[in-house]
């Protein structure tokens, strides 16, 4: 009898935890676009989640930014906007995550794919804006406990080619992933 109940209980738990509440599209759009510069928010493409939790286009944009709504299944609240030329790189990251490839392994796989030419990555600088917090307040239209950081992808850049340090300090730009296809300038403002 216990053997029959355990699988049923486990299935019920998986079913319960796998279903996250997906905010309405207008709230996802409002939250996601807060990561973009204010003068560009109304024209961005916004990717978000449908009622089933699948990624979908919530709004077609007319400028060069794509904004990504917070994943309703993620532990951490995070929205982002990035240049459209980064979409292949970002989409591949989402594919790998869905396949269970995460962390350093995911990063290394994407970079190897850029190096071997199977994954498109622009060679010129492209920006990513990442806004994290504890959630979105639909009443105020703001992210609770917001922290915005900027990432400027500069593939294969080095300290020598940029003059930047590879050691970060709050408020100062620094180079992360130096010499790789994913090299990027990080700008982390001090937390308030």
N, C-alpha and C. Protein backbone atom coordinates (compact mmCIF):
# COMPACT_ATOMS: atom_id res chain seq x y z
N UNK A 1 0.81 -1.19 0.00
CA UNK A 1 0.00 0.00 0.00
C UNK A 1 0.86 1.27 0.00
N UNK A 2 1.93 1.27 0.80
CA UNK A 2 2.79 2.45 0.83
C UNK A 2 3.42 2.70 -0.53
N UNK A 3 3.76 1.63 -1.24
CA UNK A 3 4.37 1.81 -2.55
C UNK A 3 3.40 2.50 -3.52
N UNK A 4 2.13 2.24 -3.39
CA UNK A 4 1.15 2.85 -4.27
C UNK A 4 0.93 4.32 -3.91
N UNK A 5 0.91 4.63 -2.63
CA UNK A 5 0.66 5.99 -2.20
C UNK A 5 1.86 6.90 -2.48
N UNK A 6 3.07 6.39 -2.30
CA UNK A 6 4.25 7.25 -2.48
C UNK A 6 4.33 7.84 -3.89
N UNK A 7 4.24 7.02 -4.96
CA UNK A 7 4.29 7.61 -6.30
C UNK A 7 3.15 8.60 -6.54
N UNK A 8 1.98 8.31 -6.04
CA UNK A 8 0.86 9.23 -6.22
C UNK A 8 1.13 10.54 -5.49
N UNK A 9 1.65 10.45 -4.26
CA UNK A 9 1.97 11.65 -3.49
C UNK A 9 3.08 12.44 -4.17
N UNK A 10 4.08 11.74 -4.68
CA UNK A 10 5.19 12.41 -5.37
C UNK A 10 4.69 13.11 -6.62
N UNK A 11 3.81 12.45 -7.38
CA UNK A 11 3.26 13.05 -8.58
C UNK A 11 2.45 14.29 -8.24
N UNK A 12 1.67 14.24 -7.18
CA UNK A 12 0.88 15.39 -6.76
C UNK A 12 1.80 16.54 -6.36
N UNK A 13 2.90 16.26 -5.67
CA UNK A 13 3.84 17.29 -5.27
C UNK A 13 4.51 17.91 -6.48
N UNK A 14 4.93 17.10 -7.43
CA UNK A 14 5.56 17.61 -8.65
C UNK A 14 4.56 18.47 -9.41
N UNK A 15 3.34 18.01 -9.53
CA UNK A 15 2.32 18.76 -10.25
C UNK A 15 2.06 20.09 -9.56
N UNK A 16 2.05 20.08 -8.22
CA UNK A 16 1.78 21.30 -7.47
C UNK A 16 2.91 22.29 -7.63
N UNK A 17 4.15 21.83 -7.52
CA UNK A 17 5.28 22.74 -7.57
C UNK A 17 5.61 23.19 -8.98
N UNK A 18 5.22 22.44 -10.00
CA UNK A 18 5.56 22.78 -11.37
C UNK A 18 4.67 23.89 -11.92
N UNK A 19 3.55 24.15 -11.28
CA UNK A 19 2.61 25.15 -11.78
C UNK A 19 2.83 26.45 -11.01
N UNK A 20 3.47 27.40 -11.64
CA UNK A 20 3.69 28.70 -11.03
C UNK A 20 2.62 29.66 -11.54
N UNK A 21 2.29 30.63 -10.72
CA UNK A 21 1.32 31.62 -11.14
C UNK A 21 1.98 32.57 -12.12
N UNK A 22 1.42 32.69 -13.30
CA UNK A 22 1.96 33.55 -14.34
C UNK A 22 1.19 34.87 -14.31
N UNK A 23 1.90 35.98 -14.11
CA UNK A 23 1.21 37.28 -14.09
C UNK A 23 0.59 37.60 -15.44
N UNK A 24 -0.42 38.47 -15.47
CA UNK A 24 -1.01 38.88 -16.75
C UNK A 24 0.04 39.53 -17.64
N UNK A 25 -0.17 39.46 -18.94
CA UNK A 25 0.79 39.98 -19.91
C UNK A 25 1.12 41.45 -19.66
N UNK A 26 0.12 42.28 -19.34
CA UNK A 26 0.40 43.70 -19.14
C UNK A 26 1.34 43.93 -17.96
N UNK A 27 1.23 43.12 -16.91
CA UNK A 27 2.14 43.25 -15.77
C UNK A 27 3.55 42.76 -16.13
N UNK A 28 3.63 41.69 -16.90
CA UNK A 28 4.93 41.20 -17.34
C UNK A 28 5.64 42.25 -18.20
N UNK A 29 4.89 42.88 -19.10
CA UNK A 29 5.45 43.92 -19.96
C UNK A 29 5.91 45.11 -19.13
N UNK A 30 5.06 45.55 -18.21
CA UNK A 30 5.40 46.70 -17.36
C UNK A 30 6.66 46.44 -16.56
N UNK A 31 6.78 45.25 -15.99
CA UNK A 31 7.96 44.92 -15.17
C UNK A 31 9.20 44.74 -16.03
N UNK A 32 9.08 44.01 -17.12
CA UNK A 32 10.25 43.71 -17.96
C UNK A 32 10.87 44.98 -18.54
N UNK A 33 10.04 45.90 -18.97
CA UNK A 33 10.56 47.10 -19.62
C UNK A 33 11.23 48.06 -18.64
N UNK A 34 11.05 47.87 -17.35
CA UNK A 34 11.73 48.71 -16.36
C UNK A 34 13.25 48.55 -16.42
N UNK A 35 13.73 47.46 -16.99
CA UNK A 35 15.17 47.26 -17.13
C UNK A 35 15.76 48.12 -18.24
N UNK A 36 14.94 48.54 -19.19
CA UNK A 36 15.42 49.33 -20.33
C UNK A 36 15.57 50.80 -19.95
N UNK A 37 16.40 51.53 -20.70
CA UNK A 37 16.44 52.98 -20.50
C UNK A 37 15.04 53.55 -20.70
N UNK A 38 14.67 54.51 -19.89
CA UNK A 38 13.31 55.02 -19.89
C UNK A 38 12.83 55.48 -21.27
N UNK A 39 13.69 56.12 -22.04
CA UNK A 39 13.28 56.64 -23.34
C UNK A 39 13.11 55.56 -24.40
N UNK A 40 13.39 54.30 -24.06
CA UNK A 40 13.31 53.22 -25.05
C UNK A 40 12.27 52.17 -24.68
N UNK A 41 11.65 52.30 -23.53
CA UNK A 41 10.75 51.27 -23.00
C UNK A 41 9.52 51.00 -23.85
N UNK A 42 8.91 52.03 -24.40
CA UNK A 42 7.65 51.86 -25.13
C UNK A 42 7.80 51.13 -26.46
N UNK A 43 9.04 51.00 -26.95
CA UNK A 43 9.24 50.43 -28.29
C UNK A 43 9.95 49.08 -28.29
N UNK A 44 10.13 48.48 -27.11
CA UNK A 44 10.85 47.21 -27.04
C UNK A 44 9.95 46.02 -27.37
N UNK A 45 10.58 44.98 -27.89
CA UNK A 45 9.91 43.69 -27.98
C UNK A 45 9.95 43.10 -26.58
N UNK A 46 8.88 42.45 -26.16
CA UNK A 46 8.85 41.85 -24.83
C UNK A 46 8.52 40.37 -24.94
N UNK A 47 9.41 39.56 -24.39
CA UNK A 47 9.18 38.13 -24.26
C UNK A 47 8.72 37.85 -22.85
N UNK A 48 7.69 37.03 -22.73
CA UNK A 48 7.16 36.68 -21.42
C UNK A 48 6.56 35.29 -21.45
N UNK A 49 5.68 35.03 -20.54
CA UNK A 49 5.17 33.68 -20.35
C UNK A 49 3.66 33.63 -20.51
N UNK A 50 3.20 32.56 -21.18
CA UNK A 50 1.76 32.35 -21.33
C UNK A 50 1.24 31.60 -20.11
N UNK A 51 -0.05 31.34 -20.08
CA UNK A 51 -0.68 30.69 -18.92
C UNK A 51 -0.08 29.33 -18.62
N UNK A 52 0.47 28.66 -19.62
CA UNK A 52 1.10 27.36 -19.42
C UNK A 52 2.55 27.45 -18.98
N UNK A 53 3.07 28.67 -18.90
CA UNK A 53 4.45 28.86 -18.48
C UNK A 53 5.46 28.80 -19.61
N UNK A 54 4.97 28.80 -20.86
CA UNK A 54 5.88 28.75 -22.01
C UNK A 54 6.25 30.17 -22.44
N UNK A 55 7.50 30.34 -22.86
CA UNK A 55 7.97 31.64 -23.32
C UNK A 55 7.30 31.99 -24.63
N UNK A 56 6.86 33.23 -24.74
CA UNK A 56 6.17 33.71 -25.93
C UNK A 56 6.44 35.19 -26.11
N UNK A 57 6.16 35.71 -27.28
CA UNK A 57 6.27 37.14 -27.52
C UNK A 57 5.00 37.80 -27.03
N UNK A 58 5.14 38.68 -26.05
CA UNK A 58 3.99 39.40 -25.50
C UNK A 58 3.72 40.69 -26.27
N UNK A 59 4.81 41.26 -26.82
CA UNK A 59 4.66 42.50 -27.59
C UNK A 59 5.79 42.58 -28.61
N UNK A 60 5.41 42.89 -29.85
CA UNK A 60 6.41 43.14 -30.90
C UNK A 60 6.86 44.59 -30.77
N UNK A 61 8.15 44.80 -30.83
CA UNK A 61 8.68 46.15 -30.69
C UNK A 61 9.13 46.73 -32.01
N UNK A 62 9.54 47.99 -31.94
CA UNK A 62 10.02 48.68 -33.14
C UNK A 62 11.45 49.18 -32.98
N UNK A 63 12.05 48.98 -31.81
CA UNK A 63 13.45 49.40 -31.66
C UNK A 63 14.35 48.17 -31.59
N UNK A 64 15.58 48.36 -31.17
CA UNK A 64 16.57 47.28 -31.18
C UNK A 64 16.74 46.59 -29.84
N UNK A 65 15.75 46.69 -28.95
CA UNK A 65 15.85 46.03 -27.65
C UNK A 65 14.80 44.93 -27.51
N UNK A 66 15.21 43.87 -26.83
CA UNK A 66 14.31 42.78 -26.44
C UNK A 66 14.31 42.77 -24.91
N UNK A 67 13.14 42.77 -24.31
CA UNK A 67 13.03 42.68 -22.86
C UNK A 67 12.45 41.32 -22.50
N UNK A 68 12.96 40.76 -21.43
CA UNK A 68 12.56 39.43 -20.99
C UNK A 68 11.91 39.54 -19.62
N UNK A 69 10.66 39.09 -19.53
CA UNK A 69 9.93 39.11 -18.26
C UNK A 69 10.53 38.11 -17.28
N UNK A 70 10.21 38.28 -16.03
CA UNK A 70 10.68 37.38 -14.98
C UNK A 70 10.09 35.98 -15.19
N UNK A 71 10.94 34.99 -15.06
CA UNK A 71 10.52 33.59 -15.16
C UNK A 71 9.70 33.26 -13.93
N UNK A 72 8.42 32.89 -14.09
CA UNK A 72 7.58 32.61 -12.92
C UNK A 72 8.06 31.41 -12.09
N UNK A 73 8.90 30.56 -12.68
CA UNK A 73 9.42 29.40 -11.95
C UNK A 73 10.76 29.66 -11.27
N UNK A 74 11.36 30.81 -11.53
CA UNK A 74 12.68 31.11 -10.96
C UNK A 74 12.56 31.52 -9.50
N UNK A 75 13.58 31.17 -8.72
CA UNK A 75 13.61 31.56 -7.31
C UNK A 75 13.85 33.06 -7.16
N UNK A 76 14.66 33.61 -8.04
CA UNK A 76 15.06 35.01 -7.96
C UNK A 76 14.29 35.83 -8.97
N UNK A 77 13.81 37.02 -8.57
CA UNK A 77 13.08 37.89 -9.48
C UNK A 77 14.07 38.69 -10.31
N UNK A 78 14.02 38.53 -11.63
CA UNK A 78 14.95 39.20 -12.51
C UNK A 78 14.30 39.44 -13.86
N UNK A 79 14.42 40.67 -14.35
CA UNK A 79 14.00 41.01 -15.71
C UNK A 79 15.22 41.57 -16.42
N UNK A 80 15.20 41.53 -17.73
CA UNK A 80 16.37 42.00 -18.49
C UNK A 80 15.94 42.55 -19.83
N UNK A 81 16.76 43.44 -20.36
CA UNK A 81 16.60 43.93 -21.72
C UNK A 81 17.97 43.89 -22.37
N UNK A 82 17.99 43.56 -23.66
CA UNK A 82 19.26 43.44 -24.36
C UNK A 82 19.06 43.75 -25.84
N UNK A 83 20.17 44.06 -26.49
CA UNK A 83 20.15 44.36 -27.91
C UNK A 83 19.69 43.12 -28.69
N UNK A 84 18.90 43.34 -29.72
CA UNK A 84 18.35 42.22 -30.51
C UNK A 84 19.44 41.31 -31.08
N UNK A 85 20.63 41.87 -31.33
CA UNK A 85 21.71 41.05 -31.87
C UNK A 85 22.18 39.99 -30.87
N UNK A 86 21.85 40.16 -29.60
CA UNK A 86 22.21 39.18 -28.57
C UNK A 86 21.18 38.05 -28.43
N UNK A 87 20.06 38.16 -29.14
CA UNK A 87 18.99 37.16 -28.98
C UNK A 87 19.44 35.73 -29.26
N UNK A 88 20.22 35.45 -30.32
CA UNK A 88 20.66 34.06 -30.50
C UNK A 88 21.44 33.53 -29.29
N UNK A 89 22.32 34.35 -28.74
CA UNK A 89 23.12 33.96 -27.58
C UNK A 89 22.22 33.74 -26.36
N UNK A 90 21.28 34.65 -26.14
CA UNK A 90 20.36 34.53 -24.99
C UNK A 90 19.41 33.34 -25.17
N UNK A 91 18.89 33.17 -26.37
CA UNK A 91 17.98 32.04 -26.63
C UNK A 91 18.69 30.71 -26.41
N UNK A 92 19.96 30.64 -26.83
CA UNK A 92 20.73 29.40 -26.61
C UNK A 92 20.91 29.15 -25.12
N UNK A 93 21.13 30.19 -24.36
CA UNK A 93 21.23 30.02 -22.92
C UNK A 93 19.95 29.46 -22.33
N UNK A 94 18.81 29.95 -22.80
CA UNK A 94 17.52 29.43 -22.31
C UNK A 94 17.33 27.97 -22.72
N UNK A 95 17.73 27.62 -23.95
CA UNK A 95 17.63 26.23 -24.42
C UNK A 95 18.47 25.30 -23.55
N UNK A 96 19.68 25.71 -23.26
CA UNK A 96 20.57 24.88 -22.45
C UNK A 96 20.03 24.72 -21.03
N UNK A 97 19.52 25.80 -20.47
CA UNK A 97 18.93 25.73 -19.13
C UNK A 97 17.76 24.76 -19.12
N UNK A 98 16.90 24.84 -20.13
CA UNK A 98 15.75 23.92 -20.21
C UNK A 98 16.20 22.47 -20.33
N UNK A 99 17.38 22.26 -20.92
CA UNK A 99 17.92 20.91 -21.07
C UNK A 99 18.70 20.46 -19.83
N UNK A 100 18.74 21.32 -18.81
CA UNK A 100 19.42 20.96 -17.57
C UNK A 100 20.90 21.33 -17.54
N UNK A 101 21.36 22.06 -18.55
CA UNK A 101 22.77 22.51 -18.59
C UNK A 101 22.81 23.91 -17.99
N UNK A 102 23.46 24.06 -16.85
CA UNK A 102 23.45 25.34 -16.16
C UNK A 102 24.85 25.74 -15.70
N UNK A 103 24.93 26.91 -15.12
CA UNK A 103 26.16 27.38 -14.51
C UNK A 103 27.33 27.46 -15.47
N UNK A 104 28.50 27.07 -14.96
CA UNK A 104 29.74 27.15 -15.72
C UNK A 104 29.68 26.31 -17.00
N UNK A 105 29.05 25.14 -16.91
CA UNK A 105 28.94 24.26 -18.08
C UNK A 105 28.14 24.94 -19.20
N UNK A 106 27.06 25.62 -18.83
CA UNK A 106 26.25 26.33 -19.82
C UNK A 106 27.07 27.45 -20.47
N UNK A 107 27.77 28.22 -19.65
CA UNK A 107 28.59 29.31 -20.16
C UNK A 107 29.66 28.79 -21.11
N UNK A 108 30.34 27.74 -20.71
CA UNK A 108 31.41 27.18 -21.55
C UNK A 108 30.87 26.64 -22.86
N UNK A 109 29.71 26.01 -22.83
CA UNK A 109 29.15 25.46 -24.06
C UNK A 109 28.79 26.57 -25.04
N UNK A 110 28.15 27.63 -24.53
CA UNK A 110 27.80 28.74 -25.43
C UNK A 110 29.03 29.38 -26.04
N UNK A 111 30.05 29.60 -25.21
CA UNK A 111 31.27 30.23 -25.72
C UNK A 111 31.96 29.35 -26.75
N UNK A 112 31.98 28.05 -26.54
CA UNK A 112 32.57 27.13 -27.51
C UNK A 112 31.79 27.18 -28.82
N UNK A 113 30.48 27.29 -28.74
CA UNK A 113 29.66 27.36 -29.95
C UNK A 113 29.90 28.67 -30.71
N UNK A 114 30.14 29.76 -29.99
CA UNK A 114 30.49 31.02 -30.66
C UNK A 114 31.85 30.85 -31.33
N UNK A 115 32.80 30.29 -30.60
CA UNK A 115 34.15 30.10 -31.15
C UNK A 115 34.16 29.25 -32.41
N UNK A 116 33.31 28.20 -32.43
CA UNK A 116 33.33 27.32 -33.62
C UNK A 116 32.35 27.77 -34.71
N UNK A 117 31.69 28.91 -34.49
CA UNK A 117 30.84 29.48 -35.52
C UNK A 117 29.43 28.93 -35.59
N UNK A 118 29.04 28.06 -34.66
CA UNK A 118 27.68 27.51 -34.70
C UNK A 118 26.68 28.37 -33.94
N UNK A 119 27.16 29.36 -33.17
CA UNK A 119 26.27 30.27 -32.44
C UNK A 119 26.67 31.70 -32.79
N UNK A 120 25.71 32.45 -33.24
CA UNK A 120 25.94 33.83 -33.65
C UNK A 120 26.13 34.74 -32.43
N UNK A 121 27.16 35.58 -32.51
CA UNK A 121 27.43 36.57 -31.47
C UNK A 121 28.01 37.79 -32.15
N UNK A 122 27.45 38.97 -31.93
CA UNK A 122 28.00 40.16 -32.58
C UNK A 122 29.43 40.43 -32.11
N UNK A 123 30.24 40.98 -32.98
CA UNK A 123 31.62 41.31 -32.63
C UNK A 123 31.74 42.73 -32.07
N UNK A 124 30.75 43.57 -32.32
CA UNK A 124 30.74 44.92 -31.80
C UNK A 124 30.05 44.94 -30.43
N UNK A 125 30.30 45.98 -29.63
CA UNK A 125 29.68 46.04 -28.30
C UNK A 125 28.15 46.02 -28.38
N UNK A 126 27.54 45.28 -27.46
CA UNK A 126 26.08 45.21 -27.33
C UNK A 126 25.73 45.18 -25.84
N UNK A 127 24.65 45.86 -25.47
CA UNK A 127 24.32 46.05 -24.06
C UNK A 127 23.21 45.12 -23.59
N UNK A 128 23.35 44.73 -22.32
CA UNK A 128 22.35 43.97 -21.57
C UNK A 128 22.09 44.73 -20.28
N UNK A 129 20.83 44.96 -19.96
CA UNK A 129 20.43 45.60 -18.72
C UNK A 129 19.74 44.54 -17.87
N UNK A 130 20.15 44.38 -16.63
CA UNK A 130 19.56 43.37 -15.75
C UNK A 130 19.03 44.06 -14.50
N UNK A 131 17.75 43.88 -14.23
CA UNK A 131 17.10 44.47 -13.07
C UNK A 131 16.58 43.35 -12.18
N UNK A 132 17.09 43.27 -10.97
CA UNK A 132 16.64 42.25 -10.02
C UNK A 132 15.95 42.93 -8.85
N UNK A 133 15.21 42.14 -8.10
CA UNK A 133 14.51 42.64 -6.93
C UNK A 133 13.76 41.53 -6.25
N UNK A 134 12.89 41.91 -5.34
CA UNK A 134 12.13 40.89 -4.62
C UNK A 134 10.77 40.62 -5.26
N UNK A 135 10.42 41.38 -6.28
CA UNK A 135 9.16 41.16 -6.98
C UNK A 135 8.69 42.43 -7.66
N UNK A 136 7.57 42.34 -8.34
CA UNK A 136 6.97 43.49 -9.03
C UNK A 136 5.70 43.89 -8.31
N UNK A 137 5.59 45.16 -7.99
CA UNK A 137 4.40 45.69 -7.33
C UNK A 137 3.49 46.27 -8.41
N UNK A 138 2.43 45.57 -8.74
CA UNK A 138 1.53 45.99 -9.82
C UNK A 138 0.83 47.31 -9.48
N UNK A 139 0.62 47.57 -8.20
CA UNK A 139 -0.05 48.82 -7.80
C UNK A 139 0.82 50.05 -8.06
N UNK A 140 2.10 49.94 -7.77
CA UNK A 140 3.01 51.08 -7.96
C UNK A 140 3.68 51.05 -9.33
N UNK A 141 3.68 49.89 -9.98
CA UNK A 141 4.36 49.75 -11.27
C UNK A 141 5.87 49.73 -11.14
N UNK A 142 6.36 49.31 -9.97
CA UNK A 142 7.80 49.31 -9.71
C UNK A 142 8.26 47.94 -9.22
N UNK A 143 9.55 47.70 -9.40
CA UNK A 143 10.19 46.50 -8.85
C UNK A 143 10.49 46.80 -7.38
N UNK A 144 10.14 45.88 -6.50
CA UNK A 144 10.47 46.03 -5.08
C UNK A 144 11.94 45.72 -4.87
N UNK A 145 12.63 46.53 -4.08
CA UNK A 145 14.06 46.35 -3.78
C UNK A 145 14.89 46.24 -5.06
N UNK A 146 14.79 47.23 -5.97
CA UNK A 146 15.44 47.11 -7.27
C UNK A 146 16.96 47.25 -7.21
N UNK A 147 17.62 46.53 -8.11
CA UNK A 147 19.06 46.66 -8.32
C UNK A 147 19.32 46.48 -9.81
N UNK A 148 19.76 47.55 -10.46
CA UNK A 148 20.01 47.54 -11.90
C UNK A 148 21.51 47.51 -12.15
N UNK A 149 21.93 46.58 -13.01
CA UNK A 149 23.32 46.54 -13.43
C UNK A 149 23.37 46.47 -14.95
N UNK A 150 24.53 46.90 -15.48
CA UNK A 150 24.71 46.97 -16.92
C UNK A 150 25.83 46.03 -17.33
N UNK A 151 25.63 45.40 -18.48
CA UNK A 151 26.62 44.50 -19.06
C UNK A 151 26.79 44.94 -20.52
N UNK A 152 28.03 45.18 -20.91
CA UNK A 152 28.31 45.54 -22.30
C UNK A 152 29.20 44.45 -22.87
N UNK A 153 28.62 43.63 -23.74
CA UNK A 153 29.39 42.55 -24.36
C UNK A 153 30.41 43.13 -25.34
N UNK A 154 31.65 42.74 -25.18
CA UNK A 154 32.76 43.16 -26.04
C UNK A 154 33.59 41.91 -26.34
N UNK A 155 33.07 41.04 -27.22
CA UNK A 155 33.72 39.75 -27.46
C UNK A 155 35.23 39.84 -27.67
N UNK A 156 35.92 38.96 -26.98
CA UNK A 156 37.37 38.78 -27.06
C UNK A 156 38.18 39.96 -26.51
N UNK A 157 37.54 40.90 -25.85
CA UNK A 157 38.25 42.03 -25.25
C UNK A 157 39.14 41.54 -24.12
N UNK A 158 40.21 42.27 -23.90
CA UNK A 158 41.17 41.96 -22.84
C UNK A 158 41.43 43.22 -22.02
N UNK A 159 42.09 43.08 -20.87
CA UNK A 159 42.48 44.28 -20.12
C UNK A 159 43.36 45.20 -20.98
N UNK A 160 44.20 44.59 -21.80
CA UNK A 160 45.10 45.37 -22.65
C UNK A 160 44.34 46.12 -23.74
N UNK A 161 43.30 45.53 -24.28
CA UNK A 161 42.57 46.20 -25.37
C UNK A 161 41.56 47.23 -24.85
N UNK A 162 41.21 47.14 -23.57
CA UNK A 162 40.21 48.06 -23.01
C UNK A 162 40.74 48.99 -21.94
N UNK A 163 41.84 48.62 -21.29
CA UNK A 163 42.33 49.41 -20.17
C UNK A 163 41.57 49.13 -18.88
N UNK A 164 40.69 48.13 -18.89
CA UNK A 164 39.87 47.81 -17.72
C UNK A 164 40.51 46.73 -16.87
N UNK A 165 40.24 46.80 -15.59
CA UNK A 165 40.67 45.77 -14.66
C UNK A 165 39.74 44.56 -14.77
N UNK A 166 40.21 43.41 -14.35
CA UNK A 166 39.35 42.22 -14.28
C UNK A 166 38.86 42.01 -12.85
N UNK A 167 39.07 42.99 -11.99
CA UNK A 167 38.59 42.94 -10.61
C UNK A 167 37.49 43.99 -10.45
N UNK A 168 36.35 43.56 -9.96
CA UNK A 168 35.23 44.47 -9.81
C UNK A 168 35.25 45.24 -8.51
N UNK A 169 34.73 46.45 -8.57
CA UNK A 169 34.47 47.23 -7.37
C UNK A 169 33.19 48.02 -7.62
N UNK A 170 32.34 48.15 -6.61
CA UNK A 170 31.04 48.80 -6.82
C UNK A 170 31.15 50.17 -7.48
N UNK A 171 30.39 50.33 -8.55
CA UNK A 171 30.33 51.59 -9.26
C UNK A 171 31.35 51.74 -10.37
N UNK A 172 32.38 50.90 -10.38
CA UNK A 172 33.42 51.01 -11.40
C UNK A 172 33.24 49.92 -12.46
N UNK A 173 33.46 50.26 -13.72
CA UNK A 173 33.39 49.22 -14.75
C UNK A 173 34.58 48.28 -14.63
N UNK A 174 34.35 47.02 -14.98
CA UNK A 174 35.43 46.03 -14.98
C UNK A 174 35.13 44.99 -16.04
N UNK A 175 36.16 44.26 -16.45
CA UNK A 175 36.04 43.30 -17.54
C UNK A 175 35.91 41.89 -16.99
N UNK A 176 34.87 41.21 -17.41
CA UNK A 176 34.62 39.83 -16.99
C UNK A 176 34.73 38.93 -18.23
N UNK A 177 35.31 37.76 -18.07
CA UNK A 177 35.43 36.81 -19.19
C UNK A 177 36.44 37.28 -20.21
N UNK A 178 37.46 37.98 -19.77
CA UNK A 178 38.46 38.56 -20.67
C UNK A 178 39.00 37.53 -21.66
N UNK A 179 39.10 37.96 -22.93
CA UNK A 179 39.67 37.13 -23.97
C UNK A 179 38.74 36.10 -24.57
N UNK A 180 37.51 35.99 -24.05
CA UNK A 180 36.56 35.00 -24.55
C UNK A 180 35.50 35.66 -25.42
N UNK A 181 34.73 34.84 -26.12
CA UNK A 181 33.62 35.35 -26.92
C UNK A 181 32.58 36.05 -26.05
N UNK A 182 32.52 35.70 -24.78
CA UNK A 182 31.56 36.30 -23.86
C UNK A 182 32.13 37.41 -23.02
N UNK A 183 33.30 37.95 -23.38
CA UNK A 183 33.88 39.05 -22.60
C UNK A 183 32.88 40.19 -22.52
N UNK A 184 32.77 40.76 -21.33
CA UNK A 184 31.83 41.86 -21.16
C UNK A 184 32.28 42.80 -20.04
N UNK A 185 31.90 44.04 -20.23
CA UNK A 185 32.16 45.06 -19.22
C UNK A 185 30.98 45.05 -18.26
N UNK A 186 31.28 44.87 -16.99
CA UNK A 186 30.26 44.89 -15.94
C UNK A 186 30.28 46.26 -15.28
N UNK A 187 29.10 46.79 -15.03
CA UNK A 187 28.98 48.02 -14.26
C UNK A 187 27.92 47.75 -13.19
N UNK A 188 28.39 47.61 -11.97
CA UNK A 188 27.52 47.31 -10.82
C UNK A 188 27.51 48.52 -9.90
N UNK A 189 26.42 49.28 -9.90
CA UNK A 189 26.38 50.43 -8.99
C UNK A 189 26.38 49.93 -7.54
N UNK A 190 26.86 50.77 -6.61
CA UNK A 190 26.82 50.38 -5.20
C UNK A 190 25.36 50.14 -4.78
N UNK A 191 25.15 49.15 -3.95
CA UNK A 191 23.80 48.89 -3.43
C UNK A 191 23.46 49.95 -2.40
N UNK A 192 22.21 50.36 -2.40
CA UNK A 192 21.78 51.39 -1.44
C UNK A 192 21.10 50.79 -0.26
